[in-house]
Protein backbone atom coordinates (compact mmCIF):
# COMPACT_ATOMS: atom_id res chain seq x y z
CA UNK A 1 105.14 100.64 118.99
CA UNK A 2 103.08 103.59 117.77
CA UNK A 3 104.95 106.25 115.76
CA UNK A 4 104.49 108.94 113.15
CA UNK A 5 106.31 107.14 110.40
CA UNK A 6 109.60 108.96 110.78
CA UNK A 7 112.52 106.63 109.83
CA UNK A 8 114.59 107.60 112.87
CA UNK A 9 111.74 106.53 115.26
CA UNK A 10 111.39 103.11 113.53
CA UNK A 11 115.19 102.62 113.71
CA UNK A 12 115.19 103.32 117.45
CA UNK A 13 112.14 101.10 117.96
CA UNK A 14 113.83 98.27 116.06
CA UNK A 15 116.97 98.69 118.15
CA UNK A 16 115.36 98.71 121.58
CA UNK A 17 112.25 96.64 120.76
CA UNK A 18 113.15 94.21 117.98
CA UNK A 19 109.98 92.04 118.38
CA UNK A 20 107.58 94.98 118.66
CA UNK A 21 104.89 95.60 116.03
CA UNK A 22 105.33 98.99 114.54
CA UNK A 23 102.14 100.90 113.79
CA UNK A 24 101.74 104.40 112.18
CA UNK A 25 99.34 106.58 114.02
CA UNK A 26 96.05 107.37 112.25
CA UNK A 27 96.70 111.08 111.59
CA UNK A 28 100.03 110.45 109.92
CA UNK A 29 98.69 107.39 108.05
CA UNK A 30 95.88 109.50 106.63
CA UNK A 31 98.24 112.26 105.74
CA UNK A 32 100.52 109.80 103.77
CA UNK A 33 97.51 108.29 102.00
CA UNK A 34 96.45 111.76 100.92
CA UNK A 35 99.89 112.49 99.53
CA UNK A 36 99.92 109.18 97.67
CA UNK A 37 96.46 109.77 96.24
CA UNK A 38 97.47 113.23 95.03
CA UNK A 39 100.66 111.74 93.37
CA UNK A 40 98.82 108.93 91.74
CA UNK A 41 95.74 110.85 90.53
CA UNK A 42 97.30 114.26 90.23
CA UNK A 43 94.56 115.98 92.02
CA UNK A 44 94.66 119.76 91.46
CA UNK A 45 92.88 122.58 93.16
CA UNK A 46 90.75 124.66 90.84
CA UNK A 47 88.96 127.91 91.43
CA UNK A 48 86.02 127.06 89.20
CA UNK A 49 84.04 123.90 89.51
CA UNK A 50 84.92 121.15 86.98
CA UNK A 51 81.58 121.41 85.16
CA UNK A 52 79.95 124.79 85.69
CA UNK A 53 77.78 126.74 88.15
CA UNK A 54 74.52 125.06 87.19
CA UNK A 55 72.93 123.07 90.06
CA UNK A 56 71.98 120.26 87.69
CA UNK A 57 71.70 119.49 83.92
CA UNK A 58 69.15 117.45 82.12
CA UNK A 59 69.60 116.07 78.56
CA UNK A 60 66.98 114.67 76.27
CA UNK A 61 69.25 111.97 74.91
CA UNK A 62 72.53 110.27 75.64
CA UNK A 63 73.82 111.78 72.41
CA UNK A 64 73.09 115.27 73.68
CA UNK A 65 74.89 114.42 76.97
CA UNK A 66 77.93 113.14 75.04
CA UNK A 67 78.00 116.22 72.80
CA UNK A 68 77.95 118.49 75.85
CA UNK A 69 80.73 116.52 77.56
CA UNK A 70 82.94 116.69 74.50
CA UNK A 71 82.48 120.48 74.08
CA UNK A 72 82.50 121.56 77.69
CA UNK A 73 84.78 119.24 79.74
CA UNK A 74 88.58 119.25 79.76
CA UNK A 75 90.22 116.33 77.87
CA UNK A 76 92.00 115.14 80.93
CA UNK A 77 88.68 114.03 82.45
CA UNK A 78 88.46 111.34 79.75
CA UNK A 79 84.94 112.09 78.49
CA UNK A 80 86.05 112.22 74.80
CA UNK A 81 85.10 109.51 72.32
CA UNK A 82 87.26 106.53 71.86
């Protein structure tokens, strides 16, 4: 039985077709996965890019890169020192 994931559909399917395999259609499955991902990872929409408007950045040393990350990136990205 193919359905959109609504509880009432699965209840009717179970009542009339108790041995049927119940499958969520692809569109609704992807929609639910997207919602779960947003809930787990707390994706947010931002107007400005996470880094900046530069097409690329080059650093002479890893230490320069780390300093730039600590000063420019938001804490919630997890680039701070541990």
